[in-house]
């Protein structure tokens, strides 16, 4: 059976519950072609461009 061998101290418990482990928001950059916000190093979903070249055609 999984039973703790030692009691967890208040400091250790509170460190685990602190806000240190929260995730950061997604970084966004402006697309140089259309100005829409997009994630870095990814295709722009608004215009279909990546690295100055049109990769897909968007209607």
PDB file of N, CA and C in Angstrom:
ATOM      1  N   UNK A   1       0.827  -1.176   0.000  1.00  0.00           N
ATOM      2  CA  UNK A   1       0.000   0.000   0.000  1.00  0.00           C
ATOM      3  C   UNK A   1       0.880   1.251   0.000  1.00  0.00           C
ATOM      4  N   UNK A   2       0.488   2.291  -0.727  1.00  0.00           N
ATOM      5  CA  UNK A   2       1.292   3.508  -0.811  1.00  0.00           C
ATOM      6  C   UNK A   2       0.977   4.422   0.365  1.00  0.00           C
ATOM      7  N   UNK A   3       1.857   4.382   1.347  1.00  0.00           N
ATOM      8  CA  UNK A   3       1.692   5.221   2.538  1.00  0.00           C
ATOM      9  C   UNK A   3       2.969   6.036   2.699  1.00  0.00           C
ATOM     10  N   UNK A   4       2.850   7.365   2.971  1.00  0.00           N
ATOM     11  CA  UNK A   4       4.050   8.169   3.154  1.00  0.00           C
ATOM     12  C   UNK A   4       4.874   7.704   4.352  1.00  0.00           C
ATOM     13  N   UNK A   5       6.178   7.592   4.163  1.00  0.00           N
ATOM     14  CA  UNK A   5       7.044   7.152   5.248  1.00  0.00           C
ATOM     15  C   UNK A   5       7.262   8.262   6.265  1.00  0.00           C
ATOM     16  N   UNK A   6       7.375   9.518   5.765  1.00  0.00           N
ATOM     17  CA  UNK A   6       7.572  10.675   6.628  1.00  0.00           C
ATOM     18  C   UNK A   6       6.502  11.716   6.338  1.00  0.00           C
ATOM     19  N   UNK A   7       6.217  12.526   7.320  1.00  0.00           N
ATOM     20  CA  UNK A   7       5.250  13.606   7.157  1.00  0.00           C
ATOM     21  C   UNK A   7       5.851  14.690   6.272  1.00  0.00           C
ATOM     22  N   UNK A   8       5.059  15.238   5.373  1.00  0.00           N
ATOM     23  CA  UNK A   8       5.526  16.311   4.488  1.00  0.00           C
ATOM     24  C   UNK A   8       5.471  17.618   5.273  1.00  0.00           C
ATOM     25  N   UNK A   9       6.591  18.335   5.303  1.00  0.00           N
ATOM     26  CA  UNK A   9       6.642  19.585   6.061  1.00  0.00           C
ATOM     27  C   UNK A   9       5.781  20.657   5.406  1.00  0.00           C
ATOM     28  N   UNK A  10       5.423  21.681   6.178  1.00  0.00           N
ATOM     29  CA  UNK A  10       4.596  22.780   5.654  1.00  0.00           C
ATOM     30  C   UNK A  10       5.314  23.518   4.541  1.00  0.00           C
ATOM     31  N   UNK A  11       6.616  23.699   4.681  1.00  0.00           N
ATOM     32  CA  UNK A  11       7.383  24.411   3.656  1.00  0.00           C
ATOM     33  C   UNK A  11       7.393  23.628   2.347  1.00  0.00           C
ATOM     34  N   UNK A  12       7.603  22.324   2.433  1.00  0.00           N
ATOM     35  CA  UNK A  12       7.632  21.488   1.233  1.00  0.00           C
ATOM     36  C   UNK A  12       6.246  21.442   0.578  1.00  0.00           C
ATOM     37  N   UNK A  13       5.218  21.314   1.387  1.00  0.00           N
ATOM     38  CA  UNK A  13       3.847  21.301   0.882  1.00  0.00           C
ATOM     39  C   UNK A  13       3.498  22.631   0.208  1.00  0.00           C
ATOM     40  N   UNK A  14       3.865  23.737   0.834  1.00  0.00           N
ATOM     41  CA  UNK A  14       3.529  25.053   0.289  1.00  0.00           C
ATOM     42  C   UNK A  14       4.333  25.382  -0.964  1.00  0.00           C
ATOM     43  N   UNK A  15       5.556  24.876  -1.061  1.00  0.00           N
ATOM     44  CA  UNK A  15       6.343  25.060  -2.285  1.00  0.00           C
ATOM     45  C   UNK A  15       5.672  24.373  -3.464  1.00  0.00           C
ATOM     46  N   UNK A  16       5.125  23.197  -3.212  1.00  0.00           N
ATOM     47  CA  UNK A  16       4.442  22.461  -4.259  1.00  0.00           C
ATOM     48  C   UNK A  16       3.168  23.185  -4.698  1.00  0.00           C
ATOM     49  N   UNK A  17       2.491  23.826  -3.771  1.00  0.00           N
ATOM     50  CA  UNK A  17       1.229  24.510  -4.069  1.00  0.00           C
ATOM     51  C   UNK A  17       1.425  25.925  -4.593  1.00  0.00           C
ATOM     52  N   UNK A  18       2.650  26.399  -4.645  1.00  0.00           N
ATOM     53  CA  UNK A  18       2.902  27.786  -5.053  1.00  0.00           C
ATOM     54  C   UNK A  18       2.653  27.975  -6.541  1.00  0.00           C
ATOM     55  N   UNK A  19       2.741  29.200  -6.991  1.00  0.00           N
ATOM     56  CA  UNK A  19       2.456  29.542  -8.376  1.00  0.00           C
ATOM     57  C   UNK A  19       3.655  29.370  -9.296  1.00  0.00           C
ATOM     58  N   UNK A  20       4.732  28.799  -8.818  1.00  0.00           N
ATOM     59  CA  UNK A  20       5.937  28.634  -9.618  1.00  0.00           C
ATOM     60  C   UNK A  20       5.688  27.702 -10.794  1.00  0.00           C
ATOM     61  N   UNK A  21       4.760  26.768 -10.645  1.00  0.00           N
ATOM     62  CA  UNK A  21       4.568  25.717 -11.634  1.00  0.00           C
ATOM     63  C   UNK A  21       3.574  26.082 -12.715  1.00  0.00           C
ATOM     64  N   UNK A  22       3.004  27.288 -12.671  1.00  0.00           N
ATOM     65  CA  UNK A  22       2.002  27.660 -13.670  1.00  0.00           C
ATOM     66  C   UNK A  22       2.657  27.859 -15.029  1.00  0.00           C
ATOM     67  N   UNK A  23       1.907  27.556 -16.072  1.00  0.00           N
ATOM     68  CA  UNK A  23       2.416  27.688 -17.430  1.00  0.00           C
ATOM     69  C   UNK A  23       2.403  29.143 -17.870  1.00  0.00           C
ATOM     70  N   UNK A  24       3.319  29.486 -18.758  1.00  0.00           N
ATOM     71  CA  UNK A  24       3.383  30.833 -19.299  1.00  0.00           C
ATOM     72  C   UNK A  24       2.464  30.938 -20.514  1.00  0.00           C
ATOM     73  N   UNK A  25       1.967  32.137 -20.802  1.00  0.00           N
ATOM     74  CA  UNK A  25       1.109  32.285 -21.974  1.00  0.00           C
ATOM     75  C   UNK A  25       1.898  32.066 -23.267  1.00  0.00           C
ATOM     76  N   UNK A  26       1.191  31.723 -24.320  1.00  0.00           N
ATOM     77  CA  UNK A  26       1.807  31.460 -25.618  1.00  0.00           C
ATOM     78  C   UNK A  26       2.370  32.759 -26.186  1.00  0.00           C
ATOM     79  N   UNK A  27       3.599  32.704 -26.693  1.00  0.00           N
ATOM     80  CA  UNK A  27       4.226  33.878 -27.295  1.00  0.00           C
ATOM     81  C   UNK A  27       3.623  34.133 -28.672  1.00  0.00           C
ATOM     82  N   UNK A  28       3.345  35.378 -28.976  1.00  0.00           N
ATOM     83  CA  UNK A  28       2.787  35.748 -30.269  1.00  0.00           C
ATOM     84  C   UNK A  28       3.652  36.820 -30.912  1.00  0.00           C
ATOM     85  N   UNK A  29       3.786  36.745 -32.230  1.00  0.00           N
ATOM     86  CA  UNK A  29       4.501  37.765 -33.002  1.00  0.00           C
ATOM     87  C   UNK A  29       3.596  38.226 -34.131  1.00  0.00           C
ATOM     88  N   UNK A  30       3.924  39.379 -34.698  1.00  0.00           N
ATOM     89  CA  UNK A  30       3.133  39.915 -35.793  1.00  0.00           C
ATOM     90  C   UNK A  30       3.646  39.362 -37.110  1.00  0.00           C
ATOM     91  N   UNK A  31       2.730  38.900 -37.952  1.00  0.00           N
ATOM     92  CA  UNK A  31       3.095  38.384 -39.267  1.00  0.00           C
ATOM     93  C   UNK A  31       3.584  39.550 -40.126  1.00  0.00           C
ATOM     94  N   UNK A  32       4.758  39.418 -40.772  1.00  0.00           N
ATOM     95  CA  UNK A  32       5.269  40.520 -41.595  1.00  0.00           C
ATOM     96  C   UNK A  32       4.440  40.767 -42.859  1.00  0.00           C
ATOM     97  N   UNK A  33       3.706  39.765 -43.320  1.00  0.00           N
ATOM     98  CA  UNK A  33       2.905  39.919 -44.534  1.00  0.00           C
ATOM     99  C   UNK A  33       1.580  40.638 -44.269  1.00  0.00           C
ATOM    100  N   UNK A  34       0.800  40.110 -43.310  1.00  0.00           N
ATOM    101  CA  UNK A  34      -0.554  40.626 -43.110  1.00  0.00           C
ATOM    102  C   UNK A  34      -0.735  41.362 -41.788  1.00  0.00           C
ATOM    103  N   UNK A  35       0.204  41.212 -40.846  1.00  0.00           N
ATOM    104  CA  UNK A  35       0.092  41.892 -39.561  1.00  0.00           C
ATOM    105  C   UNK A  35      -0.727  41.146 -38.529  1.00  0.00           C
ATOM    106  N   UNK A  36      -1.199  39.972 -38.869  1.00  0.00           N
ATOM    107  CA  UNK A  36      -1.993  39.169 -37.941  1.00  0.00           C
ATOM    108  C   UNK A  36      -1.069  38.556 -36.881  1.00  0.00           C
ATOM    109  N   UNK A  37      -1.584  38.349 -35.666  1.00  0.00           N
ATOM    110  CA  UNK A  37      -0.804  37.725 -34.602  1.00  0.00           C
ATOM    111  C   UNK A  37      -0.697  36.233 -34.882  1.00  0.00           C
ATOM    112  N   UNK A  38       0.535  35.700 -34.758  1.00  0.00           N
ATOM    113  CA  UNK A  38       0.757  34.271 -34.984  1.00  0.00           C
ATOM    114  C   UNK A  38       1.842  33.787 -34.050  1.00  0.00           C
ATOM    115  N   UNK A  39       1.968  32.476 -33.909  1.00  0.00           N
ATOM    116  CA  UNK A  39       3.031  31.912 -33.081  1.00  0.00           C
ATOM    117  C   UNK A  39       4.340  31.931 -33.860  1.00  0.00           C
ATOM    118  N   UNK A  40       5.466  32.175 -33.193  1.00  0.00           N
ATOM    119  CA  UNK A  40       6.738  32.246 -33.912  1.00  0.00           C
ATOM    120  C   UNK A  40       7.137  30.911 -34.526  1.00  0.00           C
ATOM    121  N   UNK A  41       7.811  30.962 -35.665  1.00  0.00           N
ATOM    122  CA  UNK A  41       8.315  29.792 -36.400  1.00  0.00           C
ATOM    123  C   UNK A  41       7.196  28.883 -36.877  1.00  0.00           C
ATOM    124  N   UNK A  42       6.034  29.475 -37.156  1.00  0.00           N
ATOM    125  CA  UNK A  42       4.911  28.698 -37.656  1.00  0.00           C
ATOM    126  C   UNK A  42       4.246  29.431 -38.807  1.00  0.00           C
ATOM    127  N   UNK A  43       3.519  28.699 -39.599  1.00  0.00           N
ATOM    128  CA  UNK A  43       2.793  29.237 -40.733  1.00  0.00           C
ATOM    129  C   UNK A  43       1.708  30.191 -40.251  1.00  0.00           C
ATOM    130  N   UNK A  44       1.524  31.293 -40.955  1.00  0.00           N
ATOM    131  CA  UNK A  44       0.449  32.235 -40.623  1.00  0.00           C
ATOM    132  C   UNK A  44      -0.862  31.660 -41.155  1.00  0.00           C
ATOM    133  N   UNK A  45      -1.826  31.487 -40.267  1.00  0.00           N
ATOM    134  CA  UNK A  45      -3.102  30.898 -40.680  1.00  0.00           C
ATOM    135  C   UNK A  45      -3.966  31.902 -41.429  1.00  0.00           C
ATOM    136  N   UNK A  46      -3.683  33.188 -41.291  1.00  0.00           N
ATOM    137  CA  UNK A  46      -4.499  34.211 -41.949  1.00  0.00           C
ATOM    138  C   UNK A  46      -4.127  34.363 -43.427  1.00  0.00           C
ATOM    139  N   UNK A  47      -2.813  34.385 -43.737  1.00  0.00           N
ATOM    140  CA  UNK A  47      -2.400  34.626 -45.124  1.00  0.00           C
ATOM    141  C   UNK A  47      -1.695  33.436 -45.782  1.00  0.00           C
ATOM    142  N   UNK A  48      -1.238  32.459 -44.995  1.00  0.00           N
ATOM    143  CA  UNK A  48      -0.612  31.268 -45.557  1.00  0.00           C
ATOM    144  C   UNK A  48       0.869  31.421 -45.845  1.00  0.00           C
ATOM    145  N   UNK A  49       1.505  32.485 -45.346  1.00  0.00           N
ATOM    146  CA  UNK A  49       2.928  32.715 -45.596  1.00  0.00           C
ATOM    147  C   UNK A  49       3.773  32.178 -44.454  1.00  0.00           C
ATOM    148  N   UNK A  50       4.980  31.729 -44.797  1.00  0.00           N
ATOM    149  CA  UNK A  50       5.990  31.364 -43.814  1.00  0.00           C
ATOM    150  C   UNK A  50       7.345  31.747 -44.373  1.00  0.00           C
ATOM    151  N   UNK A  51       8.099  32.508 -43.622  1.00  0.00           N
ATOM    152  CA  UNK A  51       9.459  32.918 -43.986  1.00  0.00           C
ATOM    153  C   UNK A  51       9.489  33.641 -45.332  1.00  0.00           C
ATOM    154  N   UNK A  52       8.480  34.480 -45.585  1.00  0.00           N
ATOM    155  CA  UNK A  52       8.440  35.282 -46.803  1.00  0.00           C
ATOM    156  C   UNK A  52       7.946  34.558 -48.037  1.00  0.00           C
ATOM    157  N   UNK A  53       7.534  33.307 -47.902  1.00  0.00           N
ATOM    158  CA  UNK A  53       7.049  32.538 -49.056  1.00  0.00           C
ATOM    159  C   UNK A  53       5.640  32.036 -48.763  1.00  0.00           C
ATOM    160  N   UNK A  54       4.811  32.029 -49.811  1.00  0.00           N
ATOM    161  CA  UNK A  54       3.471  31.498 -49.640  1.00  0.00           C
ATOM    162  C   UNK A  54       3.516  29.980 -49.686  1.00  0.00           C
ATOM    163  N   UNK A  55       3.071  29.364 -48.592  1.00  0.00           N
ATOM    164  CA  UNK A  55       3.131  27.921 -48.461  1.00  0.00           C
ATOM    165  C   UNK A  55       1.795  27.303 -48.841  1.00  0.00           C
ATOM    166  N   UNK A  56       0.701  27.899 -48.358  1.00  0.00           N
ATOM    167  CA  UNK A  56      -0.635  27.417 -48.705  1.00  0.00           C
ATOM    168  C   UNK A  56      -1.470  28.594 -49.184  1.00  0.00           C
ATOM    169  N   UNK A  57      -2.467  28.321 -49.990  1.00  0.00           N
ATOM    170  CA  UNK A  57      -3.353  29.389 -50.435  1.00  0.00           C
ATOM    171  C   UNK A  57      -4.547  29.446 -49.489  1.00  0.00           C
ATOM    172  N   UNK A  58      -4.811  30.629 -48.951  1.00  0.00           N
ATOM    173  CA  UNK A  58      -5.909  30.825 -48.024  1.00  0.00           C
ATOM    174  C   UNK A  58      -6.957  31.696 -48.715  1.00  0.00           C
ATOM    175  N   UNK A  59      -8.217  31.284 -48.629  1.00  0.00           N
ATOM    176  CA  UNK A  59      -9.291  32.042 -49.257  1.00  0.00           C
ATOM    177  C   UNK A  59      -9.713  33.222 -48.403  1.00  0.00           C
TER     178      UNK A  59
END
